[in-house]
Amino acid sequence: AAIARAKAKKAAQQTQTVDTPLTEQ
């Protein structure tokens, strides 16, 4: 479960825009 969550979050992080403060966080 931990491996699956990590990869899902990594994929979501790559699709976010650079100028959004939430993305960095």
PDB file of all heavy atoms in Angstrom:
ATOM      1  N   ALA A   1       0.832  -1.212   0.000  1.00  0.00           N
ATOM      2  CA  ALA A   1       0.000   0.000   0.000  1.00  0.00           C
ATOM      3  C   ALA A   1       0.863   1.257   0.000  1.00  0.00           C
ATOM      4  O   ALA A   1       0.546   2.259  -0.674  1.00  0.00           O
ATOM      5  CB  ALA A   1      -0.918  -0.019   1.217  1.00  0.00           C
ATOM      6  N   ALA A   2       1.947   1.260   0.760  1.00  0.00           N
ATOM      7  CA  ALA A   2       2.835   2.431   0.805  1.00  0.00           C
ATOM      8  C   ALA A   2       3.471   2.702  -0.548  1.00  0.00           C
ATOM      9  O   ALA A   2       3.567   3.853  -1.004  1.00  0.00           O
ATOM     10  CB  ALA A   2       3.908   2.214   1.864  1.00  0.00           C
ATOM     11  N   ILE A   3       3.886   1.650  -1.230  1.00  0.00           N
ATOM     12  CA  ILE A   3       4.492   1.815  -2.566  1.00  0.00           C
ATOM     13  C   ILE A   3       3.478   2.404  -3.541  1.00  0.00           C
ATOM     14  O   ILE A   3       3.778   3.318  -4.323  1.00  0.00           O
ATOM     15  CB  ILE A   3       5.031   0.473  -3.063  1.00  0.00           C
ATOM     16  CG1 ILE A   3       6.221   0.036  -2.175  1.00  0.00           C
ATOM     17  CG2 ILE A   3       5.466   0.555  -4.517  1.00  0.00           C
ATOM     18  CD1 ILE A   3       6.699  -1.368  -2.458  1.00  0.00           C
ATOM     19  N   ALA A   4       2.252   1.873  -3.466  1.00  0.00           N
ATOM     20  CA  ALA A   4       1.222   2.384  -4.389  1.00  0.00           C
ATOM     21  C   ALA A   4       0.913   3.853  -4.128  1.00  0.00           C
ATOM     22  O   ALA A   4       0.762   4.655  -5.058  1.00  0.00           O
ATOM     23  CB  ALA A   4      -0.039   1.544  -4.234  1.00  0.00           C
ATOM     24  N   ARG A   5       0.798   4.241  -2.847  1.00  0.00           N
ATOM     25  CA  ARG A   5       0.509   5.648  -2.549  1.00  0.00           C
ATOM     26  C   ARG A   5       1.636   6.563  -3.009  1.00  0.00           C
ATOM     27  O   ARG A   5       1.411   7.663  -3.522  1.00  0.00           O
ATOM     28  CB  ARG A   5       0.291   5.791  -1.047  1.00  0.00           C
ATOM     29  CG  ARG A   5      -1.034   5.233  -0.570  1.00  0.00           C
ATOM     30  CD  ARG A   5      -1.352   5.742   0.834  1.00  0.00           C
ATOM     31  NE  ARG A   5      -0.335   5.356   1.802  1.00  0.00           N
ATOM     32  CZ  ARG A   5      -0.333   4.192   2.457  1.00  0.00           C
ATOM     33  NH1 ARG A   5      -1.286   3.323   2.233  1.00  0.00           N
ATOM     34  NH2 ARG A   5       0.609   3.926   3.317  1.00  0.00           N
ATOM     35  N   ALA A   6       2.871   6.138  -2.806  1.00  0.00           N
ATOM     36  CA  ALA A   6       4.012   6.984  -3.201  1.00  0.00           C
ATOM     37  C   ALA A   6       4.027   7.246  -4.704  1.00  0.00           C
ATOM     38  O   ALA A   6       4.235   8.380  -5.162  1.00  0.00           O
ATOM     39  CB  ALA A   6       5.312   6.316  -2.762  1.00  0.00           C
ATOM     40  N   LYS A   7       3.814   6.217  -5.487  1.00  0.00           N
ATOM     41  CA  LYS A   7       3.841   6.397  -6.945  1.00  0.00           C
ATOM     42  C   LYS A   7       2.672   7.222  -7.439  1.00  0.00           C
ATOM     43  O   LYS A   7       2.786   8.021  -8.374  1.00  0.00           O
ATOM     44  CB  LYS A   7       3.874   5.034  -7.608  1.00  0.00           C
ATOM     45  CG  LYS A   7       5.176   4.297  -7.319  1.00  0.00           C
ATOM     46  CD  LYS A   7       5.385   3.127  -8.224  1.00  0.00           C
ATOM     47  CE  LYS A   7       6.772   2.525  -7.970  1.00  0.00           C
ATOM     48  NZ  LYS A   7       7.046   1.429  -8.891  1.00  0.00           N
ATOM     49  N   ALA A   8       1.514   7.040  -6.798  1.00  0.00           N
ATOM     50  CA  ALA A   8       0.356   7.841  -7.215  1.00  0.00           C
ATOM     51  C   ALA A   8       0.582   9.317  -6.923  1.00  0.00           C
ATOM     52  O   ALA A   8       0.250  10.198  -7.739  1.00  0.00           O
ATOM     53  CB  ALA A   8      -0.892   7.347  -6.498  1.00  0.00           C
ATOM     54  N   LYS A   9       1.117   9.624  -5.743  1.00  0.00           N
ATOM     55  CA  LYS A   9       1.389  11.021  -5.411  1.00  0.00           C
ATOM     56  C   LYS A   9       2.451  11.619  -6.322  1.00  0.00           C
ATOM     57  O   LYS A   9       2.406  12.804  -6.694  1.00  0.00           O
ATOM     58  CB  LYS A   9       1.829  11.105  -3.955  1.00  0.00           C
ATOM     59  CG  LYS A   9       0.700  10.813  -2.982  1.00  0.00           C
ATOM     60  CD  LYS A   9       1.175  10.853  -1.553  1.00  0.00           C
ATOM     61  CE  LYS A   9       0.042  10.522  -0.603  1.00  0.00           C
ATOM     62  NZ  LYS A   9       0.472  10.536   0.813  1.00  0.00           N
ATOM     63  N   LYS A  10       3.449  10.820  -6.685  1.00  0.00           N
ATOM     64  CA  LYS A  10       4.497  11.314  -7.592  1.00  0.00           C
ATOM     65  C   LYS A  10       3.933  11.655  -8.956  1.00  0.00           C
ATOM     66  O   LYS A  10       4.274  12.683  -9.557  1.00  0.00           O
ATOM     67  CB  LYS A  10       5.595  10.275  -7.710  1.00  0.00           C
ATOM     68  CG  LYS A  10       6.794  10.738  -8.502  1.00  0.00           C
ATOM     69  CD  LYS A  10       7.872   9.661  -8.475  1.00  0.00           C
ATOM     70  CE  LYS A  10       9.095  10.143  -9.253  1.00  0.00           C
ATOM     71  NZ  LYS A  10      10.165   9.120  -9.265  1.00  0.00           N
ATOM     72  N   ALA A  11       3.033  10.815  -9.437  1.00  0.00           N
ATOM     73  CA  ALA A  11       2.411  11.099 -10.744  1.00  0.00           C
ATOM     74  C   ALA A  11       1.544  12.343 -10.687  1.00  0.00           C
ATOM     75  O   ALA A  11       1.512  13.161 -11.615  1.00  0.00           O
ATOM     76  CB  ALA A  11       1.589   9.897 -11.185  1.00  0.00           C
ATOM     77  N   ALA A  12       0.802  12.523  -9.582  1.00  0.00           N
ATOM     78  CA  ALA A  12      -0.036  13.721  -9.442  1.00  0.00           C
ATOM     79  C   ALA A  12       0.809  14.979  -9.350  1.00  0.00           C
ATOM     80  O   ALA A  12       0.442  16.038  -9.865  1.00  0.00           O
ATOM     81  CB  ALA A  12      -0.916  13.587  -8.210  1.00  0.00           C
ATOM     82  N   GLN A  13       1.952  14.884  -8.690  1.00  0.00           N
ATOM     83  CA  GLN A  13       2.841  16.034  -8.547  1.00  0.00           C
ATOM     84  C   GLN A  13       3.374  16.495  -9.894  1.00  0.00           C
ATOM     85  O   GLN A  13       3.527  17.683 -10.163  1.00  0.00           O
ATOM     86  CB  GLN A  13       3.987  15.664  -7.600  1.00  0.00           C
ATOM     87  CG  GLN A  13       4.966  16.793  -7.341  1.00  0.00           C
ATOM     88  CD  GLN A  13       6.095  16.352  -6.416  1.00  0.00           C
ATOM     89  OE1 GLN A  13       6.092  15.208  -6.012  1.00  0.00           O
ATOM     90  NE2 GLN A  13       7.002  17.247  -6.123  1.00  0.00           N
ATOM     91  N   GLN A  14       3.671  15.569 -10.782  1.00  0.00           N
ATOM     92  CA  GLN A  14       4.221  15.916 -12.091  1.00  0.00           C
ATOM     93  C   GLN A  14       3.219  16.656 -12.977  1.00  0.00           C
ATOM     94  O   GLN A  14       3.590  17.406 -13.866  1.00  0.00           O
ATOM     95  CB  GLN A  14       4.702  14.651 -12.790  1.00  0.00           C
ATOM     96  CG  GLN A  14       5.918  14.031 -12.104  1.00  0.00           C
ATOM     97  CD  GLN A  14       6.299  12.692 -12.712  1.00  0.00           C
ATOM     98  OE1 GLN A  14       5.593  12.218 -13.615  1.00  0.00           O
ATOM     99  NE2 GLN A  14       7.400  12.125 -12.233  1.00  0.00           N
ATOM    100  N   THR A  15       1.926  16.438 -12.747  1.00  0.00           N
ATOM    101  CA  THR A  15       0.897  17.063 -13.600  1.00  0.00           C
ATOM    102  C   THR A  15       0.463  18.436 -13.114  1.00  0.00           C
ATOM    103  O   THR A  15      -0.284  19.131 -13.808  1.00  0.00           O
ATOM    104  CB  THR A  15      -0.324  16.160 -13.666  1.00  0.00           C
ATOM    105  OG1 THR A  15      -0.826  15.968 -12.334  1.00  0.00           O
ATOM    106  CG2 THR A  15       0.031  14.801 -14.261  1.00  0.00           C
ATOM    107  N   GLN A  16       0.829  18.855 -11.935  1.00  0.00           N
ATOM    108  CA  GLN A  16       0.430  20.167 -11.412  1.00  0.00           C
ATOM    109  C   GLN A  16       1.221  21.307 -12.095  1.00  0.00           C
ATOM    110  O   GLN A  16       2.326  21.133 -12.586  1.00  0.00           O
ATOM    111  CB  GLN A  16       0.652  20.208  -9.906  1.00  0.00           C
ATOM    112  CG  GLN A  16      -0.321  19.320  -9.136  1.00  0.00           C
ATOM    113  CD  GLN A  16      -0.066  19.416  -7.631  1.00  0.00           C
ATOM    114  OE1 GLN A  16       0.892  20.091  -7.228  1.00  0.00           O
ATOM    115  NE2 GLN A  16      -0.914  18.764  -6.874  1.00  0.00           N
ATOM    116  N   THR A  17       0.664  22.492 -12.106  1.00  0.00           N
ATOM    117  CA  THR A  17       1.341  23.690 -12.663  1.00  0.00           C
ATOM    118  C   THR A  17       2.413  24.177 -11.723  1.00  0.00           C
ATOM    119  O   THR A  17       2.314  24.002 -10.517  1.00  0.00           O
ATOM    120  CB  THR A  17       0.332  24.811 -12.897  1.00  0.00           C
ATOM    121  OG1 THR A  17      -0.268  25.098 -11.647  1.00  0.00           O
ATOM    122  CG2 THR A  17      -0.728  24.393 -13.898  1.00  0.00           C
ATOM    123  N   VAL A  18       3.439  24.908 -12.302  1.00  0.00           N
ATOM    124  CA  VAL A  18       4.576  25.333 -11.511  1.00  0.00           C
ATOM    125  C   VAL A  18       4.243  26.523 -10.629  1.00  0.00           C
ATOM    126  O   VAL A  18       4.759  26.679  -9.529  1.00  0.00           O
ATOM    127  CB  VAL A  18       5.764  25.677 -12.425  1.00  0.00           C
ATOM    128  CG1 VAL A  18       6.979  26.148 -11.645  1.00  0.00           C
ATOM    129  CG2 VAL A  18       6.090  24.493 -13.307  1.00  0.00           C
ATOM    130  N   ASP A  19       3.294  27.447 -11.122  1.00  0.00           N
ATOM    131  CA  ASP A  19       3.014  28.673 -10.383  1.00  0.00           C
ATOM    132  C   ASP A  19       2.034  28.507  -9.246  1.00  0.00           C
ATOM    133  O   ASP A  19       1.684  29.468  -8.575  1.00  0.00           O
ATOM    134  CB  ASP A  19       2.479  29.750 -11.335  1.00  0.00           C
ATOM    135  CG  ASP A  19       1.256  29.241 -12.090  1.00  0.00           C
ATOM    136  OD1 ASP A  19       1.003  27.977 -12.029  1.00  0.00           O
ATOM    137  OD2 ASP A  19       0.568  30.030 -12.706  1.00  0.00           O
ATOM    138  N   THR A  20       1.538  27.349  -9.000  1.00  0.00           N
ATOM    139  CA  THR A  20       0.569  27.164  -7.919  1.00  0.00           C
ATOM    140  C   THR A  20       1.289  26.916  -6.611  1.00  0.00           C
ATOM    141  O   THR A  20       2.097  26.000  -6.531  1.00  0.00           O
ATOM    142  CB  THR A  20      -0.353  25.979  -8.228  1.00  0.00           C
ATOM    143  OG1 THR A  20      -0.976  26.194  -9.484  1.00  0.00           O
ATOM    144  CG2 THR A  20      -1.418  25.801  -7.139  1.00  0.00           C
ATOM    145  N   PRO A  21       0.996  27.725  -5.525  1.00  0.00           N
ATOM    146  CA  PRO A  21       1.701  27.475  -4.262  1.00  0.00           C
ATOM    147  C   PRO A  21       1.396  26.098  -3.688  1.00  0.00           C
ATOM    148  O   PRO A  21       2.218  25.491  -3.048  1.00  0.00           O
ATOM    149  CB  PRO A  21       1.197  28.590  -3.333  1.00  0.00           C
ATOM    150  CG  PRO A  21       0.681  29.641  -4.260  1.00  0.00           C
ATOM    151  CD  PRO A  21       0.172  28.957  -5.474  1.00  0.00           C
ATOM    152  N   LEU A  22       0.180  25.630  -4.016  1.00  0.00           N
ATOM    153  CA  LEU A  22      -0.183  24.316  -3.472  1.00  0.00           C
ATOM    154  C   LEU A  22       0.657  23.202  -4.055  1.00  0.00           C
ATOM    155  O   LEU A  22       0.941  22.202  -3.424  1.00  0.00           O
ATOM    156  CB  LEU A  22      -1.681  24.044  -3.712  1.00  0.00           C
ATOM    157  CG  LEU A  22      -2.224  22.718  -3.189  1.00  0.00           C
ATOM    158  CD1 LEU A  22      -2.066  22.676  -1.667  1.00  0.00           C
ATOM    159  CD2 LEU A  22      -3.675  22.552  -3.594  1.00  0.00           C
ATOM    160  N   THR A  23       1.108  23.440  -5.306  1.00  0.00           N
ATOM    161  CA  THR A  23       1.879  22.388  -5.959  1.00  0.00           C
ATOM    162  C   THR A  23       3.199  22.160  -5.253  1.00  0.00           C
ATOM    163  O   THR A  23       3.641  21.027  -5.054  1.00  0.00           O
ATOM    164  CB  THR A  23       2.104  22.754  -7.435  1.00  0.00           C
ATOM    165  OG1 THR A  23       0.865  23.027  -8.016  1.00  0.00           O
ATOM    166  CG2 THR A  23       2.822  21.635  -8.175  1.00  0.00           C
ATOM    167  N   GLU A  24       3.880  23.254  -4.915  1.00  0.00           N
ATOM    168  CA  GLU A  24       5.147  23.093  -4.208  1.00  0.00           C
ATOM    169  C   GLU A  24       4.964  22.363  -2.871  1.00  0.00           C
ATOM    170  O   GLU A  24       5.715  21.464  -2.523  1.00  0.00           O
ATOM    171  CB  GLU A  24       5.781  24.472  -3.956  1.00  0.00           C
ATOM    172  CG  GLU A  24       6.258  25.159  -5.228  1.00  0.00           C
ATOM    173  CD  GLU A  24       6.876  26.508  -4.944  1.00  0.00           C
ATOM    174  OE1 GLU A  24       7.073  26.795  -3.754  1.00  0.00           O
ATOM    175  OE2 GLU A  24       7.178  27.225  -5.874  1.00  0.00           O
ATOM    176  N   GLN A  25       3.906  22.845  -2.208  1.00  0.00           N
ATOM    177  CA  GLN A  25       3.658  22.196  -0.904  1.00  0.00           C
ATOM    178  C   GLN A  25       3.347  20.726  -1.062  1.00  0.00           C
ATOM    179  O   GLN A  25       3.883  19.874  -0.345  1.00  0.00           O
ATOM    180  CB  GLN A  25       2.507  22.914  -0.195  1.00  0.00           C
ATOM    181  CG  GLN A  25       2.145  22.267   1.144  1.00  0.00           C
ATOM    182  CD  GLN A  25       0.915  22.957   1.730  1.00  0.00           C
ATOM    183  OE1 GLN A  25       0.405  23.919   1.137  1.00  0.00           O
ATOM    184  NE2 GLN A  25       0.480  22.487   2.873  1.00  0.00           N
TER     185      GLN A  25
END
